[in-house]
N, C-alpha and C. Protein backbone atom coordinates (compact mmCIF):
# COMPACT_ATOMS: atom_id res chain seq x y z
N MET A 1 -1.83 -14.04 31.82
CA MET A 1 -2.49 -13.67 30.59
C MET A 1 -1.46 -13.63 29.47
N ARG A 2 -1.79 -14.29 28.38
CA ARG A 2 -0.87 -14.29 27.27
C ARG A 2 -1.64 -13.91 26.03
N PHE A 3 -1.24 -12.80 25.44
CA PHE A 3 -1.93 -12.28 24.27
C PHE A 3 -1.27 -12.70 22.97
N TYR A 4 0.00 -13.02 23.03
CA TYR A 4 0.73 -13.40 21.83
C TYR A 4 1.13 -14.86 21.94
N SER A 5 0.27 -15.74 21.59
CA SER A 5 0.57 -17.16 21.63
C SER A 5 1.01 -17.61 20.25
N LYS A 6 1.59 -18.79 20.21
CA LYS A 6 2.01 -19.33 18.92
C LYS A 6 0.81 -19.77 18.09
N LYS A 7 -0.33 -19.93 18.73
CA LYS A 7 -1.53 -20.30 18.00
C LYS A 7 -2.13 -19.10 17.28
N ASN A 8 -1.71 -17.92 17.66
CA ASN A 8 -2.23 -16.70 17.04
C ASN A 8 -1.74 -16.64 15.60
N HIS A 9 -2.67 -16.68 14.65
CA HIS A 9 -2.26 -16.73 13.25
C HIS A 9 -1.71 -15.40 12.75
N TYR A 10 -1.79 -14.34 13.54
CA TYR A 10 -1.22 -13.07 13.12
C TYR A 10 0.24 -12.94 13.55
N SER A 11 0.68 -13.74 14.48
CA SER A 11 2.04 -13.60 14.97
C SER A 11 3.03 -14.49 14.23
N ASN A 12 2.56 -15.37 13.35
CA ASN A 12 3.49 -16.27 12.68
C ASN A 12 3.82 -15.84 11.25
N GLY A 13 3.61 -14.57 10.92
CA GLY A 13 3.96 -14.08 9.60
C GLY A 13 2.83 -14.12 8.60
N ALA A 14 1.66 -14.56 9.01
CA ALA A 14 0.54 -14.63 8.08
C ALA A 14 0.11 -13.25 7.61
N SER A 15 0.40 -12.23 8.39
CA SER A 15 0.01 -10.88 7.98
C SER A 15 0.85 -10.38 6.82
N LEU A 16 1.95 -11.07 6.52
CA LEU A 16 2.79 -10.65 5.41
C LEU A 16 2.32 -11.24 4.08
N ARG A 17 1.37 -12.14 4.14
CA ARG A 17 0.83 -12.71 2.90
C ARG A 17 0.04 -11.65 2.15
N ARG A 18 0.15 -11.68 0.86
CA ARG A 18 -0.54 -10.70 0.03
C ARG A 18 -1.59 -11.39 -0.82
N THR A 19 -2.66 -10.68 -1.06
CA THR A 19 -3.71 -11.22 -1.91
C THR A 19 -3.35 -10.99 -3.37
N ILE A 20 -4.11 -11.60 -4.25
CA ILE A 20 -3.89 -11.43 -5.69
C ILE A 20 -4.08 -9.97 -6.08
N ALA A 21 -5.06 -9.32 -5.48
CA ALA A 21 -5.32 -7.90 -5.79
C ALA A 21 -4.12 -7.04 -5.42
N GLU A 22 -3.48 -7.33 -4.29
CA GLU A 22 -2.31 -6.55 -3.89
C GLU A 22 -1.13 -6.79 -4.82
N ILE A 23 -0.98 -8.00 -5.29
CA ILE A 23 0.10 -8.31 -6.24
C ILE A 23 -0.13 -7.56 -7.55
N VAL A 24 -1.38 -7.56 -8.00
CA VAL A 24 -1.72 -6.84 -9.25
C VAL A 24 -1.49 -5.34 -9.07
N ILE A 25 -1.89 -4.80 -7.91
CA ILE A 25 -1.70 -3.36 -7.66
C ILE A 25 -0.21 -3.02 -7.64
N ASN A 26 0.61 -3.88 -7.03
CA ASN A 26 2.05 -3.61 -7.02
C ASN A 26 2.65 -3.66 -8.42
N PHE A 27 2.17 -4.59 -9.24
CA PHE A 27 2.63 -4.65 -10.63
C PHE A 27 2.23 -3.38 -11.38
N LEU A 28 0.96 -2.97 -11.21
CA LEU A 28 0.49 -1.76 -11.87
C LEU A 28 1.20 -0.51 -11.37
N LEU A 29 1.62 -0.54 -10.12
CA LEU A 29 2.38 0.59 -9.57
C LEU A 29 3.72 0.74 -10.28
N GLY A 30 4.38 -0.38 -10.52
CA GLY A 30 5.62 -0.34 -11.30
C GLY A 30 5.40 0.14 -12.71
N ALA A 31 4.30 -0.32 -13.31
CA ALA A 31 3.98 0.13 -14.67
C ALA A 31 3.66 1.62 -14.70
N ALA A 32 3.01 2.13 -13.66
CA ALA A 32 2.69 3.57 -13.61
C ALA A 32 3.96 4.39 -13.48
N TRP A 33 4.93 3.92 -12.67
CA TRP A 33 6.21 4.63 -12.58
C TRP A 33 6.91 4.63 -13.93
N ALA A 34 6.88 3.50 -14.63
CA ALA A 34 7.51 3.42 -15.96
C ALA A 34 6.81 4.36 -16.93
N LEU A 35 5.48 4.43 -16.86
CA LEU A 35 4.73 5.33 -17.74
C LEU A 35 5.08 6.79 -17.46
N ALA A 36 5.21 7.13 -16.19
CA ALA A 36 5.58 8.51 -15.85
C ALA A 36 6.98 8.84 -16.37
N LEU A 37 7.91 7.93 -16.19
CA LEU A 37 9.27 8.17 -16.64
C LEU A 37 9.36 8.22 -18.16
N LEU A 38 8.72 7.28 -18.83
CA LEU A 38 8.78 7.27 -20.29
C LEU A 38 8.07 8.47 -20.90
N GLY A 39 6.95 8.88 -20.32
CA GLY A 39 6.25 10.07 -20.81
C GLY A 39 7.10 11.31 -20.66
N ALA A 40 7.78 11.43 -19.52
CA ALA A 40 8.63 12.60 -19.31
C ALA A 40 9.81 12.61 -20.26
N VAL A 41 10.48 11.47 -20.41
CA VAL A 41 11.66 11.40 -21.29
C VAL A 41 11.27 11.61 -22.75
N TYR A 42 10.20 10.97 -23.19
CA TYR A 42 9.78 11.10 -24.58
C TYR A 42 9.42 12.54 -24.93
N LEU A 43 8.62 13.18 -24.09
CA LEU A 43 8.24 14.56 -24.40
C LEU A 43 9.41 15.53 -24.23
N PHE A 44 10.34 15.22 -23.34
CA PHE A 44 11.51 16.09 -23.21
C PHE A 44 12.32 16.07 -24.51
N TRP A 45 12.60 14.87 -25.02
CA TRP A 45 13.40 14.79 -26.24
C TRP A 45 12.63 15.28 -27.46
N THR A 46 11.31 15.17 -27.43
CA THR A 46 10.51 15.65 -28.56
C THR A 46 10.51 17.17 -28.63
N PHE A 47 10.42 17.83 -27.48
CA PHE A 47 10.33 19.29 -27.44
C PHE A 47 11.68 19.97 -27.24
N LEU A 48 12.76 19.23 -27.16
CA LEU A 48 14.08 19.84 -26.96
C LEU A 48 14.48 20.79 -28.09
N PRO A 49 14.12 20.55 -29.35
CA PRO A 49 14.48 21.53 -30.39
C PRO A 49 13.83 22.90 -30.18
N PHE A 50 12.75 22.98 -29.42
CA PHE A 50 12.08 24.26 -29.19
C PHE A 50 12.66 25.02 -28.00
N GLY A 51 13.61 24.45 -27.32
CA GLY A 51 14.24 25.10 -26.18
C GLY A 51 14.19 24.21 -24.94
N PHE A 52 15.18 24.44 -24.06
CA PHE A 52 15.29 23.60 -22.87
C PHE A 52 14.12 23.82 -21.91
N LEU A 53 13.72 25.06 -21.71
CA LEU A 53 12.63 25.35 -20.78
C LEU A 53 11.31 24.75 -21.26
N ILE A 54 11.03 24.86 -22.53
CA ILE A 54 9.79 24.27 -23.08
C ILE A 54 9.86 22.74 -22.98
N ALA A 55 11.02 22.17 -23.24
CA ALA A 55 11.17 20.71 -23.12
C ALA A 55 10.98 20.26 -21.68
N LEU A 56 11.48 21.04 -20.73
CA LEU A 56 11.31 20.72 -19.32
C LEU A 56 9.84 20.77 -18.91
N MET A 57 9.12 21.80 -19.36
CA MET A 57 7.69 21.90 -19.05
C MET A 57 6.92 20.76 -19.72
N ALA A 58 7.29 20.39 -20.93
CA ALA A 58 6.62 19.29 -21.62
C ALA A 58 6.87 17.97 -20.89
N SER A 59 8.07 17.78 -20.37
CA SER A 59 8.35 16.54 -19.65
C SER A 59 7.56 16.46 -18.35
N VAL A 60 7.36 17.60 -17.69
CA VAL A 60 6.53 17.61 -16.48
C VAL A 60 5.10 17.25 -16.84
N LEU A 61 4.60 17.85 -17.92
CA LEU A 61 3.23 17.53 -18.36
C LEU A 61 3.11 16.08 -18.81
N GLY A 62 4.16 15.55 -19.42
CA GLY A 62 4.14 14.17 -19.88
C GLY A 62 4.14 13.15 -18.75
N SER A 63 4.67 13.54 -17.61
CA SER A 63 4.72 12.61 -16.48
C SER A 63 3.49 12.71 -15.58
N LEU A 64 2.63 13.69 -15.78
CA LEU A 64 1.50 13.90 -14.87
C LEU A 64 0.53 12.72 -14.83
N PHE A 65 0.20 12.14 -15.96
CA PHE A 65 -0.74 11.02 -15.97
C PHE A 65 -0.18 9.83 -15.20
N GLY A 66 1.09 9.52 -15.44
CA GLY A 66 1.73 8.41 -14.73
C GLY A 66 1.82 8.68 -13.23
N LEU A 67 2.12 9.92 -12.87
CA LEU A 67 2.19 10.26 -11.45
C LEU A 67 0.83 10.22 -10.78
N PHE A 68 -0.22 10.60 -11.53
CA PHE A 68 -1.57 10.48 -11.00
C PHE A 68 -1.90 9.01 -10.72
N LEU A 69 -1.53 8.12 -11.64
CA LEU A 69 -1.75 6.69 -11.42
C LEU A 69 -0.95 6.17 -10.23
N VAL A 70 0.26 6.67 -10.05
CA VAL A 70 1.08 6.25 -8.90
C VAL A 70 0.37 6.63 -7.60
N ILE A 71 -0.13 7.85 -7.53
CA ILE A 71 -0.82 8.29 -6.31
C ILE A 71 -2.06 7.45 -6.06
N PHE A 72 -2.84 7.20 -7.11
CA PHE A 72 -4.06 6.40 -6.97
C PHE A 72 -3.74 4.99 -6.48
N LEU A 73 -2.72 4.36 -7.06
CA LEU A 73 -2.37 2.99 -6.66
C LEU A 73 -1.74 2.94 -5.27
N GLU A 74 -1.01 3.98 -4.89
CA GLU A 74 -0.47 4.04 -3.53
C GLU A 74 -1.60 4.15 -2.50
N LEU A 75 -2.63 4.91 -2.84
CA LEU A 75 -3.79 5.00 -1.95
C LEU A 75 -4.48 3.65 -1.81
N ALA A 76 -4.57 2.91 -2.90
CA ALA A 76 -5.16 1.57 -2.83
C ALA A 76 -4.32 0.65 -1.95
N THR A 77 -3.00 0.74 -2.06
CA THR A 77 -2.12 -0.07 -1.22
C THR A 77 -2.28 0.29 0.24
N LEU A 78 -2.39 1.58 0.53
CA LEU A 78 -2.60 2.01 1.91
C LEU A 78 -3.91 1.50 2.48
N GLN A 79 -4.94 1.42 1.66
CA GLN A 79 -6.23 0.90 2.13
C GLN A 79 -6.12 -0.58 2.48
N PHE A 80 -5.38 -1.35 1.68
CA PHE A 80 -5.17 -2.76 2.00
C PHE A 80 -4.41 -2.90 3.31
N GLU A 81 -3.36 -2.10 3.51
CA GLU A 81 -2.60 -2.16 4.76
C GLU A 81 -3.45 -1.74 5.94
N LYS A 82 -4.28 -0.73 5.75
CA LYS A 82 -5.18 -0.28 6.83
C LYS A 82 -6.16 -1.38 7.20
N HIS A 83 -6.72 -2.05 6.19
CA HIS A 83 -7.67 -3.13 6.45
C HIS A 83 -6.99 -4.28 7.21
N ARG A 84 -5.76 -4.64 6.80
CA ARG A 84 -5.03 -5.71 7.46
C ARG A 84 -4.73 -5.34 8.91
N GLU A 85 -4.34 -4.10 9.15
CA GLU A 85 -4.03 -3.65 10.52
C GLU A 85 -5.29 -3.62 11.38
N LEU A 86 -6.41 -3.20 10.83
CA LEU A 86 -7.66 -3.20 11.59
C LEU A 86 -8.09 -4.62 11.96
N LYS A 87 -7.90 -5.57 11.05
CA LYS A 87 -8.21 -6.96 11.37
C LYS A 87 -7.32 -7.47 12.50
N ARG A 88 -6.04 -7.12 12.46
CA ARG A 88 -5.11 -7.55 13.50
C ARG A 88 -5.50 -6.95 14.84
N GLN A 89 -5.81 -5.66 14.86
CA GLN A 89 -6.20 -5.00 16.11
C GLN A 89 -7.51 -5.55 16.65
N THR A 90 -8.45 -5.85 15.77
CA THR A 90 -9.72 -6.43 16.21
C THR A 90 -9.48 -7.80 16.85
N HIS A 91 -8.62 -8.58 16.24
CA HIS A 91 -8.31 -9.89 16.81
C HIS A 91 -7.67 -9.75 18.19
N LEU A 92 -6.75 -8.82 18.33
CA LEU A 92 -6.11 -8.60 19.63
C LEU A 92 -7.12 -8.13 20.68
N LEU A 93 -8.00 -7.21 20.29
CA LEU A 93 -9.01 -6.74 21.23
C LEU A 93 -9.97 -7.85 21.64
N GLU A 94 -10.35 -8.71 20.71
CA GLU A 94 -11.20 -9.84 21.07
C GLU A 94 -10.49 -10.79 22.00
N THR A 95 -9.20 -11.00 21.79
CA THR A 95 -8.43 -11.86 22.69
C THR A 95 -8.35 -11.25 24.08
N ILE A 96 -8.12 -9.95 24.16
CA ILE A 96 -8.06 -9.27 25.46
C ILE A 96 -9.41 -9.36 26.15
N ARG A 97 -10.49 -9.14 25.42
CA ARG A 97 -11.82 -9.21 26.02
C ARG A 97 -12.11 -10.61 26.54
N LYS A 98 -11.72 -11.62 25.79
CA LYS A 98 -11.93 -13.00 26.23
C LYS A 98 -11.12 -13.29 27.48
N GLU A 99 -9.87 -12.84 27.51
CA GLU A 99 -9.03 -13.06 28.69
C GLU A 99 -9.60 -12.34 29.91
N LEU A 100 -10.08 -11.12 29.72
CA LEU A 100 -10.68 -10.38 30.84
C LEU A 100 -11.96 -11.05 31.33
N ARG A 101 -12.78 -11.52 30.41
CA ARG A 101 -14.01 -12.20 30.78
C ARG A 101 -13.71 -13.48 31.54
N ASP A 102 -12.69 -14.23 31.08
CA ASP A 102 -12.31 -15.46 31.77
C ASP A 102 -11.77 -15.18 33.17
N SER A 103 -11.00 -14.10 33.30
CA SER A 103 -10.47 -13.76 34.63
C SER A 103 -11.58 -13.29 35.57
N GLN A 104 -12.58 -12.61 35.06
CA GLN A 104 -13.71 -12.17 35.90
C GLN A 104 -14.54 -13.37 36.33
N VAL A 105 -14.70 -14.36 35.47
CA VAL A 105 -15.45 -15.57 35.83
C VAL A 105 -14.71 -16.33 36.91
N ARG A 106 -13.38 -16.40 36.81
CA ARG A 106 -12.60 -17.10 37.82
C ARG A 106 -12.61 -16.37 39.15
N ASP A 107 -12.66 -15.05 39.12
CA ASP A 107 -12.66 -14.27 40.36
C ASP A 107 -13.99 -14.40 41.11
N ASN A 108 -15.08 -14.61 40.39
CA ASN A 108 -16.39 -14.70 41.05
C ASN A 108 -16.62 -16.08 41.52
């Protein structure tokens, strides 16, 4: 019984291919990190004349929207990876079932 053949399209690196949606999500993830960083830095320097502690709190508040976007986009990335892994496991289980069925037919 051989479950990992060269004909298996999941074993030749095809699972590393990314869809257009995943590429866009990765780009937006970088933009969300930049938004979080720029929001924090901008509000820190804006509120620095009012005191360091207030500027620090403002920078945390300024980065919240960007960090929320980062979390949302990371969840989307995880869903794509989960879907890809479920497809791979389904393919392996179907291959195992076919091999078992073929071996039972040969035994009878």
